[in-house]
Amino acid sequence: MPLEIRELTIRASVNDLVQGSTPTRELTDRSLDQTALISACVEQVLAILKEQAER
């Protein structure tokens, strides 16, 4: 019997700041990298869900 998942919740916590001050630009670059990674993951998950719905 197939299992159907109707809701998917993903939580992540990233703490990689070193003690002391970190330049603002480096924080901005990390934020952009994380945003790009999250966007790519969301697109792949949605594509998989769409493919499964078409079956």
N, C-alpha and C. Protein backbone atom coordinates (compact mmCIF):
# COMPACT_ATOMS: atom_id res chain seq x y z
N MET A 1 0.84 -1.17 0.00
CA MET A 1 0.00 0.00 0.00
C MET A 1 0.89 1.24 0.00
N PRO A 2 0.73 2.15 -0.95
CA PRO A 2 1.58 3.33 -1.03
C PRO A 2 1.28 4.30 0.11
N LEU A 3 2.30 5.02 0.50
CA LEU A 3 2.18 6.02 1.56
C LEU A 3 2.18 7.40 0.92
N GLU A 4 1.18 8.21 1.22
CA GLU A 4 1.06 9.54 0.64
C GLU A 4 1.38 10.58 1.71
N ILE A 5 2.33 11.46 1.41
CA ILE A 5 2.71 12.52 2.33
C ILE A 5 2.03 13.80 1.86
N ARG A 6 1.20 14.39 2.69
CA ARG A 6 0.47 15.59 2.32
C ARG A 6 1.11 16.85 2.88
N GLU A 7 1.99 16.71 3.82
CA GLU A 7 2.64 17.87 4.40
C GLU A 7 4.08 17.51 4.73
N LEU A 8 4.98 18.39 4.38
CA LEU A 8 6.39 18.18 4.64
C LEU A 8 6.93 19.40 5.36
N THR A 9 7.49 19.20 6.53
CA THR A 9 8.05 20.31 7.30
C THR A 9 9.55 20.07 7.47
N ILE A 10 10.33 21.06 7.07
CA ILE A 10 11.79 20.96 7.19
C ILE A 10 12.26 22.12 8.04
N ARG A 11 13.04 21.80 9.06
CA ARG A 11 13.61 22.83 9.93
C ARG A 11 15.11 22.68 9.92
N ALA A 12 15.80 23.81 9.88
CA ALA A 12 17.25 23.80 9.90
C ALA A 12 17.75 24.95 10.75
N SER A 13 18.85 24.72 11.41
CA SER A 13 19.47 25.76 12.21
C SER A 13 20.95 25.78 11.86
N VAL A 14 21.44 26.92 11.44
CA VAL A 14 22.84 27.04 11.04
C VAL A 14 23.50 28.07 11.94
N ASN A 15 24.52 27.64 12.65
CA ASN A 15 25.28 28.52 13.53
C ASN A 15 26.76 28.33 13.24
N ASP A 16 27.30 29.11 12.33
CA ASP A 16 28.71 28.97 12.02
C ASP A 16 29.47 30.29 12.13
N LEU A 17 28.98 31.20 12.93
CA LEU A 17 29.68 32.46 13.16
C LEU A 17 30.78 32.24 14.18
N VAL A 18 31.94 32.77 13.90
CA VAL A 18 33.09 32.65 14.79
C VAL A 18 33.03 33.78 15.80
N GLN A 19 33.61 33.56 16.98
CA GLN A 19 33.61 34.61 17.99
C GLN A 19 34.25 35.86 17.44
N GLY A 20 33.77 36.99 17.89
CA GLY A 20 34.28 38.26 17.39
C GLY A 20 33.37 38.78 16.31
N SER A 21 33.83 39.79 15.63
CA SER A 21 32.99 40.39 14.60
C SER A 21 33.30 39.78 13.24
N THR A 22 32.26 39.61 12.46
CA THR A 22 32.39 39.11 11.10
C THR A 22 32.00 40.26 10.17
N PRO A 23 32.76 40.49 9.11
CA PRO A 23 32.43 41.59 8.20
C PRO A 23 31.01 41.44 7.64
N THR A 24 30.36 42.56 7.44
CA THR A 24 28.98 42.57 6.93
C THR A 24 28.90 41.93 5.56
N ARG A 25 29.88 42.16 4.73
CA ARG A 25 29.86 41.58 3.38
C ARG A 25 29.86 40.06 3.42
N GLU A 26 30.66 39.50 4.32
CA GLU A 26 30.70 38.04 4.44
C GLU A 26 29.34 37.49 4.88
N LEU A 27 28.68 38.18 5.81
CA LEU A 27 27.35 37.76 6.22
C LEU A 27 26.37 37.83 5.07
N THR A 28 26.46 38.89 4.27
CA THR A 28 25.57 39.05 3.13
C THR A 28 25.81 37.94 2.11
N ASP A 29 27.06 37.61 1.84
CA ASP A 29 27.39 36.53 0.91
C ASP A 29 26.85 35.20 1.41
N ARG A 30 26.98 34.95 2.70
CA ARG A 30 26.45 33.70 3.25
C ARG A 30 24.94 33.65 3.12
N SER A 31 24.29 34.77 3.38
CA SER A 31 22.84 34.83 3.26
C SER A 31 22.40 34.55 1.84
N LEU A 32 23.10 35.13 0.87
CA LEU A 32 22.77 34.90 -0.54
C LEU A 32 23.00 33.45 -0.91
N ASP A 33 24.10 32.86 -0.43
CA ASP A 33 24.37 31.45 -0.71
C ASP A 33 23.28 30.56 -0.12
N GLN A 34 22.87 30.86 1.11
CA GLN A 34 21.83 30.06 1.75
C GLN A 34 20.50 30.22 1.01
N THR A 35 20.20 31.44 0.58
CA THR A 35 18.96 31.69 -0.14
C THR A 35 18.96 30.92 -1.47
N ALA A 36 20.07 30.93 -2.17
CA ALA A 36 20.17 30.20 -3.43
C ALA A 36 20.03 28.70 -3.21
N LEU A 37 20.65 28.19 -2.16
CA LEU A 37 20.56 26.77 -1.85
C LEU A 37 19.14 26.37 -1.50
N ILE A 38 18.48 27.17 -0.68
CA ILE A 38 17.11 26.88 -0.29
C ILE A 38 16.19 26.93 -1.51
N SER A 39 16.39 27.92 -2.37
CA SER A 39 15.56 28.02 -3.58
C SER A 39 15.73 26.80 -4.47
N ALA A 40 16.96 26.35 -4.63
CA ALA A 40 17.21 25.18 -5.46
C ALA A 40 16.55 23.93 -4.86
N CYS A 41 16.63 23.79 -3.54
CA CYS A 41 16.01 22.64 -2.88
C CYS A 41 14.49 22.66 -3.03
N VAL A 42 13.92 23.83 -2.84
CA VAL A 42 12.46 23.95 -2.96
C VAL A 42 12.01 23.62 -4.38
N GLU A 43 12.74 24.10 -5.37
CA GLU A 43 12.39 23.79 -6.77
C GLU A 43 12.44 22.29 -7.03
N GLN A 44 13.46 21.62 -6.51
CA GLN A 44 13.57 20.17 -6.72
C GLN A 44 12.46 19.42 -6.02
N VAL A 45 12.13 19.82 -4.81
CA VAL A 45 11.04 19.15 -4.07
C VAL A 45 9.72 19.34 -4.80
N LEU A 46 9.45 20.56 -5.27
CA LEU A 46 8.21 20.81 -5.99
C LEU A 46 8.15 20.01 -7.30
N ALA A 47 9.29 19.89 -7.97
CA ALA A 47 9.32 19.11 -9.22
C ALA A 47 9.02 17.63 -8.93
N ILE A 48 9.58 17.10 -7.83
CA ILE A 48 9.33 15.72 -7.48
C ILE A 48 7.87 15.51 -7.11
N LEU A 49 7.31 16.44 -6.34
CA LEU A 49 5.90 16.33 -5.97
C LEU A 49 4.99 16.42 -7.19
N LYS A 50 5.32 17.30 -8.14
CA LYS A 50 4.52 17.42 -9.34
C LYS A 50 4.58 16.14 -10.17
N GLU A 51 5.77 15.56 -10.26
CA GLU A 51 5.95 14.32 -11.01
C GLU A 51 5.14 13.18 -10.36
N GLN A 52 5.15 13.12 -9.04
CA GLN A 52 4.39 12.08 -8.34
C GLN A 52 2.90 12.29 -8.50
N ALA A 53 2.45 13.54 -8.56
CA ALA A 53 1.03 13.83 -8.70
C ALA A 53 0.52 13.44 -10.09
N GLU A 54 1.40 13.47 -11.08
CA GLU A 54 1.01 13.15 -12.46
C GLU A 54 0.84 11.64 -12.67
N ARG A 55 1.38 10.86 -11.80
CA ARG A 55 1.31 9.39 -11.95
C ARG A 55 -0.07 8.88 -11.80
